[in-house]
């Protein structure tokens, strides 16, 4: 492929470029394509899924019991009276069936640890899994919000002091959360065209691309994490947020793609900036936080200013379920800023929402997000499908009941073994092997890291001058069937490839490492021929 062609393709979003790479990588029918570009994990949580199917069977029994006089395949709504006793009989009858013991334990946990009524919980779960009613409340089912809220407290807040309560909106994964939030920010005049928003870089690509659309026309200010400092934000970079023209700060924590969480020092420093900027809007996307031990979200430190986005997709291997939540503290700056809007804007918003409430001026921002997600007029049919909410609840209870965090430790062990295999075959030790903030869902193969460590800065400069940034990715795809995503699409400073450590087996990462080492050695040979140097073309295995 010519340089102009490569340069043209470099402008594509990494997720669109992926399709071109896959086409190249799958061109050889005698070779297995290894797609390490996507973050879709190849592992999943089995216990809460077993529980889901068994709950479905119990709910079906309840439905058929309601209309037992009709044999034509007609069921009815489950009945609240006696449902807890009937479930106990079901649990005893099928106690050896996978998922039933988990369900029985979940009901006990809800009753004994969360203080909820077990019968009310079972009724909500049965009605939810049968999908026989609209989601009511539309923002999230009542007891489901309590259970998932406890999960968010455990994984996002932990032991950090936290005063007050927060609301949840169940959404179709992190993707829907982003879409809804950008839209409601605009519709409610919290962020308008021409405003400056700061982005913690590198970041999930859509956070870069959405503000540039004609729908929003926002000015982007980059707050860069330093790869030489373990991908942490320096105080100098964070101080950019002190500028009052910066309306909002959006970040992914742990980061994507470096997969490093913000250090405690950075979190505390950012919290101190918020004290001097009480009007600053923060959106933190913490989908990878559950892969870290003792993770603390910025939502825990700055709850009034922060919107938390969390997705269940990666940790539970549930990308197809589309499960996520938006969280806001019940005392927040979003509601305060709405109350302070100019009278003309408040009147316009009053008119926008007066079809769904008699007191539209008092409608909370999170409830406006719900309404906006269905263009207001369809607010009465808003809400995540109830079976999705049931699975979300079971995932949450699985984590809450797993007191030794055995599942989390297994996930960490799995991805870190894959990382070790990859770098062992490349022949270079990873930069952050001993970094307690490294989460390792992804890893970045940076030209400067690989080439600089093995050969030196002159080699790195030669590669950057003689090859298009995506050339190495296309060669890996065409010659070895290996697909990686370009790091620059996520806002990294240097040409790099994002490797997902979640979606292939350990033996595949061995093959990827060997392919990268082979290509690397070829570039070293070309470098020697072009410059007359005698750099060692063999990368020593570590």
Protein backbone atom coordinates (compact mmCIF):
# COMPACT_ATOMS: atom_id res chain seq x y z
CA UNK A 1 0.00 0.00 0.00
CA UNK A 2 1.38 3.41 -1.01
CA UNK A 3 2.21 6.18 1.43
CA UNK A 4 -0.65 8.40 0.20
CA UNK A 5 -3.10 5.51 0.69
CA UNK A 6 -1.78 4.89 4.20
CA UNK A 7 -1.95 8.59 5.02
CA UNK A 8 -5.58 8.69 3.89
CA UNK A 9 -6.48 5.69 6.02
CA UNK A 10 -4.73 7.25 9.02
CA UNK A 11 -7.53 9.80 9.22
CA UNK A 12 -10.14 7.13 9.95
CA UNK A 13 -11.46 6.46 13.45
CA UNK A 14 -9.57 3.46 14.89
CA UNK A 15 -12.81 1.46 14.92
CA UNK A 16 -13.37 2.15 11.21
CA UNK A 17 -9.72 1.49 10.39
CA UNK A 18 -10.16 -1.85 12.17
CA UNK A 19 -12.42 -3.06 9.35
CA UNK A 20 -9.68 -2.37 6.79
CA UNK A 21 -7.16 -4.25 8.91
CA UNK A 22 -9.51 -7.20 9.38
CA UNK A 23 -10.03 -7.42 5.62
CA UNK A 24 -6.27 -7.62 5.12
CA UNK A 25 -5.71 -10.04 7.98
CA UNK A 26 -8.39 -12.44 6.79
CA UNK A 27 -7.09 -12.53 3.22
CA UNK A 28 -5.14 -15.77 3.71
CA UNK A 29 -7.54 -18.71 4.09
CA UNK A 30 -4.72 -20.90 5.43
CA UNK A 31 -3.97 -18.56 8.33
CA UNK A 32 -5.88 -17.85 11.51
CA UNK A 33 -6.65 -14.16 12.00
CA UNK A 34 -5.79 -12.87 15.48
CA UNK A 35 -7.92 -9.81 16.21
CA UNK A 36 -6.55 -8.13 19.33
CA UNK A 37 -8.05 -4.81 18.32
CA UNK A 38 -11.42 -4.99 20.02
CA UNK A 39 -12.04 -4.82 23.74
CA UNK A 40 -14.75 -7.49 23.73
CA UNK A 41 -13.58 -10.06 26.32
CA UNK A 42 -13.56 -13.78 25.61
CA UNK A 43 -14.41 -14.54 29.25
CA UNK A 44 -17.71 -14.10 31.04
CA UNK A 45 -19.30 -14.53 34.44
CA UNK A 46 -21.19 -17.83 34.43
CA UNK A 47 -22.76 -17.94 37.91
CA UNK A 48 -25.09 -14.91 37.53
CA UNK A 49 -26.05 -16.13 34.06
CA UNK A 50 -27.04 -19.53 35.45
CA UNK A 51 -29.04 -17.60 38.03
CA UNK A 52 -30.75 -15.60 35.28
CA UNK A 53 -31.98 -18.68 33.43
CA UNK A 54 -33.16 -20.41 36.59
CA UNK A 55 -34.96 -17.27 37.69
CA UNK A 56 -36.65 -17.27 34.30
CA UNK A 57 -37.89 -20.81 34.84
CA UNK A 58 -39.24 -19.92 38.27
CA UNK A 59 -40.94 -16.84 36.82
CA UNK A 60 -42.53 -18.96 34.10
CA UNK A 61 -43.95 -21.29 36.73
CA UNK A 62 -45.37 -18.25 38.49
CA UNK A 63 -46.91 -16.96 35.26
CA UNK A 64 -48.51 -20.28 34.35
CA UNK A 65 -49.78 -20.66 37.90
CA UNK A 66 -51.72 -17.40 37.53
CA UNK A 67 -53.64 -18.65 34.48
CA UNK A 68 -53.59 -22.38 35.17
CA UNK A 69 -57.13 -22.74 33.87
CA UNK A 70 -56.00 -21.82 30.33
CA UNK A 71 -54.00 -24.62 28.66
CA UNK A 72 -53.52 -22.77 25.35
CA UNK A 73 -50.10 -21.36 26.25
CA UNK A 74 -51.48 -18.31 28.02
CA UNK A 75 -49.84 -17.13 31.22
CA UNK A 76 -50.47 -14.24 33.54
CA UNK A 77 -48.58 -11.83 35.74
CA UNK A 78 -46.87 -13.37 38.77
CA UNK A 79 -48.73 -12.99 42.07
CA UNK A 80 -47.07 -11.21 44.97
CA UNK A 81 -48.85 -13.15 47.73
CA UNK A 82 -46.84 -16.17 48.86
CA UNK A 83 -44.09 -15.73 46.26
CA UNK A 84 -41.27 -16.01 48.81
CA UNK A 85 -42.57 -19.34 50.14
CA UNK A 86 -43.01 -20.69 46.61
CA UNK A 87 -39.47 -19.68 45.75
CA UNK A 88 -38.14 -21.49 48.84
CA UNK A 89 -39.87 -24.68 47.62
CA UNK A 90 -38.39 -24.16 44.14
CA UNK A 91 -34.90 -23.62 45.57
CA UNK A 92 -35.09 -26.81 47.63
CA UNK A 93 -36.47 -28.85 44.73
CA UNK A 94 -33.72 -27.75 42.33
CA UNK A 95 -30.88 -27.00 44.76
CA UNK A 96 -28.37 -29.07 42.74
CA UNK A 97 -29.13 -27.25 39.49
CA UNK A 98 -26.44 -24.65 38.60
CA UNK A 99 -27.60 -21.16 39.46
CA UNK A 100 -30.28 -22.10 41.99
CA UNK A 101 -28.02 -21.92 45.06
CA UNK A 102 -26.77 -18.56 43.84
CA UNK A 103 -30.37 -17.34 43.50
CA UNK A 104 -31.27 -18.55 46.97
CA UNK A 105 -28.19 -16.85 48.38
CA UNK A 106 -29.03 -13.66 46.49
CA UNK A 107 -32.53 -13.54 47.99
CA UNK A 108 -31.06 -14.06 51.46
CA UNK A 109 -28.46 -11.34 50.84
CA UNK A 110 -31.10 -8.87 49.70
CA UNK A 111 -33.17 -9.59 52.80
CA UNK A 112 -30.47 -9.94 55.46
CA UNK A 113 -27.70 -7.62 54.23
CA UNK A 114 -29.58 -4.95 52.29
CA UNK A 115 -32.68 -4.94 54.47
CA UNK A 116 -35.11 -5.23 51.56
CA UNK A 117 -38.31 -7.24 51.52
CA UNK A 118 -37.48 -10.58 49.87
CA UNK A 119 -41.00 -11.05 48.53
CA UNK A 120 -41.04 -7.60 46.93
CA UNK A 121 -37.62 -8.29 45.43
CA UNK A 122 -38.68 -11.65 43.98
CA UNK A 123 -41.82 -10.11 42.54
CA UNK A 124 -39.84 -7.32 40.87
CA UNK A 125 -37.36 -9.84 39.47
CA UNK A 126 -40.08 -12.20 38.18
CA UNK A 127 -42.08 -9.43 36.56
CA UNK A 128 -38.86 -8.00 35.17
CA UNK A 129 -37.54 -11.20 33.63
CA UNK A 130 -40.95 -11.97 32.12
CA UNK A 131 -40.89 -8.47 30.57
CA UNK A 132 -44.64 -8.28 31.03
CA UNK A 133 -44.77 -4.63 32.09
CA UNK A 134 -43.20 -1.32 31.17
CA UNK A 135 -40.15 -0.31 33.21
CA UNK A 136 -41.64 1.50 36.22
CA UNK A 137 -40.09 3.74 37.45
CA UNK A 138 -38.75 4.50 33.98
CA UNK A 139 -35.34 5.61 35.24
CA UNK A 140 -34.76 2.24 36.93
CA UNK A 141 -36.81 -0.40 38.73
CA UNK A 142 -37.12 0.55 42.39
CA UNK A 143 -35.34 -2.31 44.18
CA UNK A 144 -33.00 -2.87 41.25
CA UNK A 145 -31.67 0.66 41.74
CA UNK A 146 -30.97 -0.10 45.40
CA UNK A 147 -29.07 -3.31 44.62
CA UNK A 148 -27.05 -1.86 41.73
CA UNK A 149 -26.39 1.22 43.87
CA UNK A 150 -24.76 -1.00 46.48
CA UNK A 151 -22.58 -2.53 43.78
CA UNK A 152 -21.52 0.93 42.59
CA UNK A 153 -20.71 1.86 46.20
CA UNK A 154 -18.53 -1.21 46.59
CA UNK A 155 -16.64 -0.94 43.31
CA UNK A 156 -16.51 2.81 42.65
CA UNK A 157 -16.46 4.31 46.15
CA UNK A 158 -15.21 1.54 48.44
CA UNK A 159 -14.13 2.71 51.85
CA UNK A 160 -13.73 6.34 50.80
CA UNK A 161 -15.88 8.70 52.91
CA UNK A 162 -19.06 9.53 51.02
CA UNK A 163 -21.90 11.70 52.29
CA UNK A 164 -25.38 11.54 50.83
CA UNK A 165 -27.16 9.41 48.24
CA UNK A 166 -27.03 9.13 44.48
CA UNK A 167 -29.52 8.32 41.72
CA UNK A 168 -29.04 5.81 38.91
CA UNK A 169 -30.36 5.70 35.37
CA UNK A 170 -30.09 2.24 33.79
CA UNK A 171 -28.97 2.60 30.16
CA UNK A 172 -27.96 0.50 27.17
CA UNK A 173 -24.27 0.35 28.06
CA UNK A 174 -21.65 3.09 28.14
CA UNK A 175 -22.45 3.93 24.51
CA UNK A 176 -25.99 5.03 25.35
CA UNK A 177 -24.73 6.88 28.41
CA UNK A 178 -22.41 9.00 26.27
CA UNK A 179 -25.09 9.69 23.68
CA UNK A 180 -27.72 10.67 26.22
CA UNK A 181 -25.39 12.86 28.27
CA UNK A 182 -24.05 14.90 25.36
CA UNK A 183 -27.60 15.44 24.16
CA UNK A 184 -28.97 16.51 27.55
CA UNK A 185 -25.99 18.78 28.24
CA UNK A 186 -26.88 20.63 25.05
CA UNK A 187 -30.67 20.59 25.43
CA UNK A 188 -30.41 21.99 28.96
CA UNK A 189 -27.84 24.67 28.09
CA UNK A 190 -25.22 23.28 30.47
CA UNK A 191 -22.78 23.08 27.56
CA UNK A 192 -23.35 25.03 24.35
CA UNK A 193 -21.67 25.43 20.97
CA UNK A 194 -18.35 27.23 21.29
CA UNK A 195 -17.78 26.16 24.91
CA UNK A 196 -14.45 24.63 25.86
CA UNK A 197 -14.34 21.14 27.30
CA UNK A 198 -11.22 19.41 28.55
CA UNK A 199 -10.47 15.79 27.66
CA UNK A 200 -8.15 13.58 29.71
CA UNK A 201 -5.92 12.14 27.01
CA UNK A 202 -5.59 9.48 25.78
CA UNK A 203 -9.28 8.66 25.83
CA UNK A 204 -11.91 6.44 24.22
CA UNK A 205 -12.15 7.84 20.68
CA UNK A 206 -15.84 8.91 20.64
CA UNK A 207 -15.13 11.39 23.43
CA UNK A 208 -12.85 13.13 20.92
CA UNK A 209 -15.15 12.79 17.92
CA UNK A 210 -18.61 13.61 19.35
CA UNK A 211 -17.78 17.19 20.51
CA UNK A 212 -16.57 17.99 16.98
CA UNK A 213 -19.90 17.12 15.36
CA UNK A 214 -22.17 19.89 14.07
CA UNK A 215 -24.62 18.87 16.79
CA UNK A 216 -22.26 20.22 19.47
CA UNK A 217 -19.37 22.27 17.99
CA UNK A 218 -17.36 22.28 21.19
CA UNK A 219 -13.77 23.43 21.58
CA UNK A 220 -11.51 20.67 22.91
CA UNK A 221 -8.66 21.24 25.33
CA UNK A 222 -6.31 18.30 25.81
CA UNK A 223 -5.12 17.35 29.29
CA UNK A 224 -2.32 14.92 28.49
CA UNK A 225 -1.21 12.01 30.64
CA UNK A 226 2.55 11.52 30.53
CA UNK A 227 3.70 8.06 29.36
CA UNK A 228 7.07 8.64 31.04
CA UNK A 229 5.27 9.16 34.36
CA UNK A 230 3.24 5.97 34.14
CA UNK A 231 0.44 7.66 32.18
CA UNK A 232 -0.43 9.98 35.06
CA UNK A 233 -1.55 13.61 34.73
CA UNK A 234 0.98 16.13 35.94
CA UNK A 235 -0.14 19.01 38.15
CA UNK A 236 0.74 21.34 35.31
CA UNK A 237 -1.67 19.55 32.97
CA UNK A 238 -4.45 19.37 35.55
CA UNK A 239 -4.00 23.08 36.26
CA UNK A 240 -5.49 23.71 32.81
CA UNK A 241 -8.84 23.03 34.49
CA UNK A 242 -8.46 26.14 36.64
CA UNK A 243 -9.26 28.30 33.61
CA UNK A 244 -12.91 29.38 34.02
CA UNK A 245 -13.52 29.06 30.28
CA UNK A 246 -13.26 25.26 30.69
CA UNK A 247 -16.85 24.18 31.27
CA UNK A 248 -16.31 20.46 31.70
CA UNK A 249 -13.67 17.76 32.07
CA UNK A 250 -14.29 14.32 30.55
CA UNK A 251 -12.03 11.38 31.36
CA UNK A 252 -11.87 7.60 31.24
CA UNK A 253 -10.45 6.12 34.43
CA UNK A 254 -8.69 3.68 34.24
CA UNK A 255 -7.59 5.07 30.90
CA UNK A 256 -8.21 3.67 27.45
CA UNK A 257 -5.90 2.52 25.98
CA UNK A 258 -3.01 2.76 28.51
CA UNK A 259 -5.26 0.99 31.05
CA UNK A 260 -3.88 2.89 34.05
CA UNK A 261 -5.97 4.36 36.85
CA UNK A 262 -5.41 7.85 38.19
CA UNK A 263 -3.09 7.82 41.17
CA UNK A 264 -4.37 8.81 44.60
CA UNK A 265 -2.19 11.92 44.41
CA UNK A 266 -3.75 12.99 41.09
CA UNK A 267 -7.27 12.36 42.38
CA UNK A 268 -6.63 14.47 45.46
CA UNK A 269 -5.06 17.25 43.41
CA UNK A 270 -7.98 17.28 40.99
CA UNK A 271 -10.38 17.41 43.94
CA UNK A 272 -8.52 20.48 45.22
CA UNK A 273 -8.97 22.13 41.82
CA UNK A 274 -12.71 21.48 42.00
CA UNK A 275 -12.80 23.30 45.34
CA UNK A 276 -11.60 26.40 43.53
CA UNK A 277 -13.79 25.62 40.48
CA UNK A 278 -17.13 24.61 42.06
CA UNK A 279 -18.85 25.13 38.69
CA UNK A 280 -16.69 22.59 36.81
CA UNK A 281 -18.67 19.70 35.29
CA UNK A 282 -16.90 16.33 35.42
CA UNK A 283 -17.81 13.17 33.55
CA UNK A 284 -15.83 10.10 34.58
CA UNK A 285 -16.20 6.88 32.58
CA UNK A 286 -15.01 4.15 34.94
CA UNK A 287 -15.84 0.97 33.02
CA UNK A 288 -12.42 -0.59 33.74
CA UNK A 289 -12.38 0.34 37.43
CA UNK A 290 -13.64 -3.09 38.44
CA UNK A 291 -10.41 -4.68 37.20
CA UNK A 292 -8.46 -2.76 39.87
CA UNK A 293 -8.19 -3.53 43.56
CA UNK A 294 -9.55 -0.85 45.90
CA UNK A 295 -10.51 1.41 43.02
CA UNK A 296 -11.76 4.89 43.94
CA UNK A 297 -13.66 6.92 41.38
CA UNK A 298 -13.46 10.67 41.07
CA UNK A 299 -17.20 10.45 41.78
CA UNK A 300 -16.27 9.51 45.36
CA UNK A 301 -14.10 12.62 45.83
CA UNK A 302 -16.17 15.19 43.92
CA UNK A 303 -19.72 13.80 43.95
CA UNK A 304 -21.53 17.13 43.52
CA UNK A 305 -19.64 17.96 40.33
CA UNK A 306 -19.30 14.50 38.83
CA UNK A 307 -21.41 12.30 36.59
CA UNK A 308 -20.34 8.67 36.78
CA UNK A 309 -20.71 6.36 33.80
CA UNK A 310 -20.28 2.65 34.40
CA UNK A 311 -20.79 -0.32 32.07
CA UNK A 312 -21.09 -3.99 33.03
CA UNK A 313 -19.88 -5.05 29.58
CA UNK A 314 -16.21 -5.72 30.14
CA UNK A 315 -16.02 -7.06 33.70
CA UNK A 316 -18.83 -9.58 33.29
CA UNK A 317 -18.22 -10.33 29.62
CA UNK A 318 -21.61 -8.89 28.71
CA UNK A 319 -21.09 -6.59 25.72
CA UNK A 320 -24.14 -8.06 24.01
CA UNK A 321 -26.40 -7.34 26.99
CA UNK A 322 -25.83 -3.55 26.72
CA UNK A 323 -25.86 -2.83 30.45
CA UNK A 324 -24.75 0.41 32.03
CA UNK A 325 -25.70 3.13 34.48
CA UNK A 326 -25.41 6.89 34.82
CA UNK A 327 -25.03 8.10 38.42
CA UNK A 328 -25.49 11.58 39.86
CA UNK A 329 -25.42 12.70 43.48
CA UNK A 330 -28.78 13.93 44.74
CA UNK A 331 -27.18 17.28 45.62
CA UNK A 332 -25.34 18.30 42.48
CA UNK A 333 -24.23 21.32 40.48
CA UNK A 334 -26.28 20.27 37.43
CA UNK A 335 -29.58 20.94 39.16
CA UNK A 336 -28.12 24.12 40.66
CA UNK A 337 -26.99 25.40 37.27
CA UNK A 338 -30.40 24.63 35.75
CA UNK A 339 -32.05 26.81 38.40
CA UNK A 340 -29.67 29.69 37.54
CA UNK A 341 -30.27 29.69 33.78
CA UNK A 342 -31.52 32.93 32.21
CA UNK A 343 -35.29 33.32 32.34
CA UNK A 344 -35.75 32.79 28.59
CA UNK A 345 -33.95 29.46 28.71
CA UNK A 346 -35.84 28.36 31.81
CA UNK A 347 -39.13 29.17 30.08
CA UNK A 348 -38.12 27.17 27.02
CA UNK A 349 -37.19 24.19 29.19
CA UNK A 350 -40.44 24.57 31.13
CA UNK A 351 -42.29 24.20 27.84
CA UNK A 352 -40.05 21.26 26.79
CA UNK A 353 -40.84 19.18 29.86
CA UNK A 354 -44.33 20.35 30.88
CA UNK A 355 -46.00 17.42 29.11
CA UNK A 356 -44.44 14.94 31.55
CA UNK A 357 -44.71 16.75 34.89
CA UNK A 358 -46.75 19.53 36.46
CA UNK A 359 -43.55 20.96 37.97
CA UNK A 360 -41.06 20.91 35.06
CA UNK A 361 -38.79 23.52 36.69
CA UNK A 362 -38.12 21.05 39.50
CA UNK A 363 -37.31 18.11 37.20
CA UNK A 364 -33.87 16.82 38.16
CA UNK A 365 -31.15 16.70 35.53
CA UNK A 366 -30.92 12.91 35.66
CA UNK A 367 -34.67 12.67 35.00
CA UNK A 368 -34.27 15.10 32.13
CA UNK A 369 -31.70 12.71 30.67
CA UNK A 370 -34.34 9.96 30.82
CA UNK A 371 -36.91 12.16 29.09
CA UNK A 372 -34.45 13.42 26.47
CA UNK A 373 -33.42 9.84 25.69
CA UNK A 374 -36.97 9.31 24.39
CA UNK A 375 -37.41 12.79 22.85
CA UNK A 376 -39.58 13.74 25.85
CA UNK A 377 -42.82 12.82 24.08
CA UNK A 378 -42.01 9.11 24.59
CA UNK A 379 -40.97 9.51 28.21
CA UNK A 380 -43.86 7.25 29.28
CA UNK A 381 -42.16 4.33 27.50
CA UNK A 382 -38.61 5.16 28.58
CA UNK A 383 -36.37 2.84 30.54
CA UNK A 384 -33.99 -0.04 29.94
CA UNK A 385 -35.78 -3.30 29.17
CA UNK A 386 -36.63 -5.11 32.38
CA UNK A 387 -34.82 -8.40 31.56
CA UNK A 388 -31.66 -6.33 31.06
CA UNK A 389 -32.17 -4.73 34.46
CA UNK A 390 -32.64 -8.17 36.05
CA UNK A 391 -29.34 -9.41 34.63
CA UNK A 392 -27.68 -6.21 35.85
CA UNK A 393 -29.02 -6.89 39.35
CA UNK A 394 -27.76 -10.49 39.30
CA UNK A 395 -24.31 -9.35 38.15
CA UNK A 396 -24.28 -6.84 40.99
CA UNK A 397 -25.33 -9.40 43.60
CA UNK A 398 -22.72 -11.84 42.33
CA UNK A 399 -20.03 -9.24 43.02
CA UNK A 400 -21.50 -8.14 46.35
CA UNK A 401 -21.69 -11.74 47.59
CA UNK A 402 -18.17 -12.61 46.37
CA UNK A 403 -16.52 -11.39 49.56
CA UNK A 404 -12.99 -12.68 48.81
CA UNK A 405 -13.28 -11.12 45.31
CA UNK A 406 -12.35 -14.48 43.77
CA UNK A 407 -13.85 -13.54 40.40
CA UNK A 408 -11.91 -10.27 40.28
CA UNK A 409 -8.64 -11.97 41.13
CA UNK A 410 -9.27 -14.58 38.44
CA UNK A 411 -9.89 -11.83 35.84
CA UNK A 412 -6.72 -10.00 36.81
CA UNK A 413 -4.67 -13.19 36.73
CA UNK A 414 -6.04 -14.07 33.31
CA UNK A 415 -5.22 -10.79 31.59
CA UNK A 416 -1.84 -10.37 33.29
CA UNK A 417 -0.72 -13.82 32.21
CA UNK A 418 -1.62 -12.83 28.67
CA UNK A 419 0.38 -9.62 28.95
CA UNK A 420 3.40 -11.50 30.27
CA UNK A 421 3.20 -13.95 27.34
CA UNK A 422 2.97 -11.11 24.80
CA UNK A 423 5.97 -9.15 26.07
CA UNK A 424 8.00 -12.29 26.68
CA UNK A 425 7.78 -13.12 22.98
CA UNK A 426 8.38 -9.54 21.85
CA UNK A 427 11.49 -9.62 23.98
CA UNK A 428 11.04 -6.39 25.93
CA UNK A 429 9.82 -6.03 29.49
CA UNK A 430 6.63 -3.94 29.81
CA UNK A 431 7.08 -0.42 31.12
CA UNK A 432 4.61 -0.65 34.00
CA UNK A 433 5.20 -4.20 35.24
CA UNK A 434 5.37 -3.08 38.89
CA UNK A 435 2.96 -0.14 38.70
CA UNK A 436 0.15 -0.57 41.27
CA UNK A 437 -2.04 1.69 39.13
CA UNK A 438 -1.75 -0.52 36.03
CA UNK A 439 -4.98 -2.37 35.27
CA UNK A 440 -3.79 -4.17 32.10
CA UNK A 441 -7.06 -4.62 30.26
CA UNK A 442 -5.19 -3.12 27.30
CA UNK A 443 -1.54 -2.51 26.62
CA UNK A 444 0.05 0.00 24.26
CA UNK A 445 2.89 -1.03 21.99
CA UNK A 446 4.56 2.32 21.51
CA UNK A 447 7.20 2.81 18.79
CA UNK A 448 9.24 4.92 21.17
CA UNK A 449 8.99 2.31 23.92
CA UNK A 450 9.86 -0.70 21.78
CA UNK A 451 12.44 0.92 19.53
CA UNK A 452 13.98 3.25 22.07
CA UNK A 453 14.49 0.59 24.69
CA UNK A 454 15.90 -2.00 22.27
CA UNK A 455 17.93 0.10 19.82
CA UNK A 456 17.91 3.80 20.68
CA UNK A 457 16.35 7.16 19.78
CA UNK A 458 18.06 7.30 16.36
CA UNK A 459 16.23 4.16 15.31
CA UNK A 460 12.92 5.57 16.51
CA UNK A 461 13.48 8.78 14.53
CA UNK A 462 14.32 6.77 11.40
CA UNK A 463 11.15 4.69 11.67
CA UNK A 464 8.95 7.76 12.19
CA UNK A 465 10.57 9.55 9.23
CA UNK A 466 10.42 6.60 6.84
CA UNK A 467 7.04 5.00 7.60
CA UNK A 468 3.47 6.18 7.95
CA UNK A 469 2.21 5.69 11.52
CA UNK A 470 -0.23 2.94 10.50
CA UNK A 471 2.19 1.15 8.16
CA UNK A 472 3.32 -1.29 10.85
CA UNK A 473 -0.29 -2.10 11.72
CA UNK A 474 -1.12 -2.82 8.09
CA UNK A 475 1.95 -4.99 7.67
CA UNK A 476 1.09 -6.95 10.80
CA UNK A 477 -2.41 -7.51 9.44
CA UNK A 478 -1.32 -8.47 5.92
CA UNK A 479 1.72 -10.57 6.74
CA UNK A 480 0.82 -12.13 10.09
CA UNK A 481 -2.97 -11.86 10.32
CA UNK A 482 -2.67 -9.74 13.49
CA UNK A 483 -5.09 -6.86 14.03
CA UNK A 484 -4.29 -4.03 16.48
CA UNK A 485 -5.89 -0.59 16.80
CA UNK A 486 -3.87 2.61 16.26
CA UNK A 487 -3.13 4.38 19.51
CA UNK A 488 -3.23 7.79 17.86
CA UNK A 489 -6.96 7.41 17.35
CA UNK A 490 -7.24 7.58 21.15
CA UNK A 491 -5.04 10.65 21.39
CA UNK A 492 -1.63 9.14 22.19
CA UNK A 493 1.38 11.27 21.33
CA UNK A 494 3.42 8.65 19.45
CA UNK A 495 2.51 5.99 16.86
CA UNK A 496 1.42 2.89 18.72
CA UNK A 497 -0.86 -0.11 18.62
CA UNK A 498 -3.52 -0.92 21.19
CA UNK A 499 -3.58 -4.56 22.16
CA UNK A 500 -6.61 -5.84 24.01
CA UNK A 501 -5.52 -8.42 26.56
CA UNK A 502 -9.09 -9.56 27.06
CA UNK A 503 -10.28 -11.15 23.84
CA UNK A 504 -7.79 -13.89 22.89
CA UNK A 505 -6.21 -16.90 24.56
CA UNK A 506 -2.72 -16.83 26.06
CA UNK A 507 -1.31 -18.93 23.20
CA UNK A 508 -2.59 -16.31 20.74
CA UNK A 509 -0.67 -13.56 22.51
CA UNK A 510 2.44 -15.71 22.16
CA UNK A 511 1.87 -15.76 18.39
CA UNK A 512 1.19 -12.01 18.29
CA UNK A 513 4.39 -11.33 20.24
CA UNK A 514 6.42 -13.44 17.79
CA UNK A 515 4.89 -11.66 14.81
CA UNK A 516 5.69 -8.26 16.29
CA UNK A 517 9.25 -9.30 17.06
CA UNK A 518 9.74 -10.60 13.51
CA UNK A 519 8.49 -7.34 11.99
CA UNK A 520 10.57 -5.32 14.45
CA UNK A 521 13.73 -7.20 13.47
CA UNK A 522 13.00 -6.54 9.80
CA UNK A 523 12.81 -2.79 10.45
CA UNK A 524 16.09 -2.95 12.34
CA UNK A 525 17.67 -4.63 9.31
CA UNK A 526 16.31 -1.95 6.99
CA UNK A 527 17.56 0.72 9.38
CA UNK A 528 21.07 -0.75 9.30
CA UNK A 529 21.04 -0.90 5.50
CA UNK A 530 19.79 2.69 5.19
CA UNK A 531 22.13 4.24 7.76
CA UNK A 532 25.17 1.98 7.80
CA UNK A 533 24.67 1.29 11.49
CA UNK A 534 25.09 -2.14 13.02
CA UNK A 535 22.23 -2.33 15.46
CA UNK A 536 21.47 -5.83 16.66
CA UNK A 537 18.47 -7.04 14.67
CA UNK A 538 17.63 -9.68 17.24
CA UNK A 539 15.54 -8.57 20.17
CA UNK A 540 16.70 -10.43 23.26
CA UNK A 541 13.86 -12.29 24.97
CA UNK A 542 13.31 -11.17 28.53
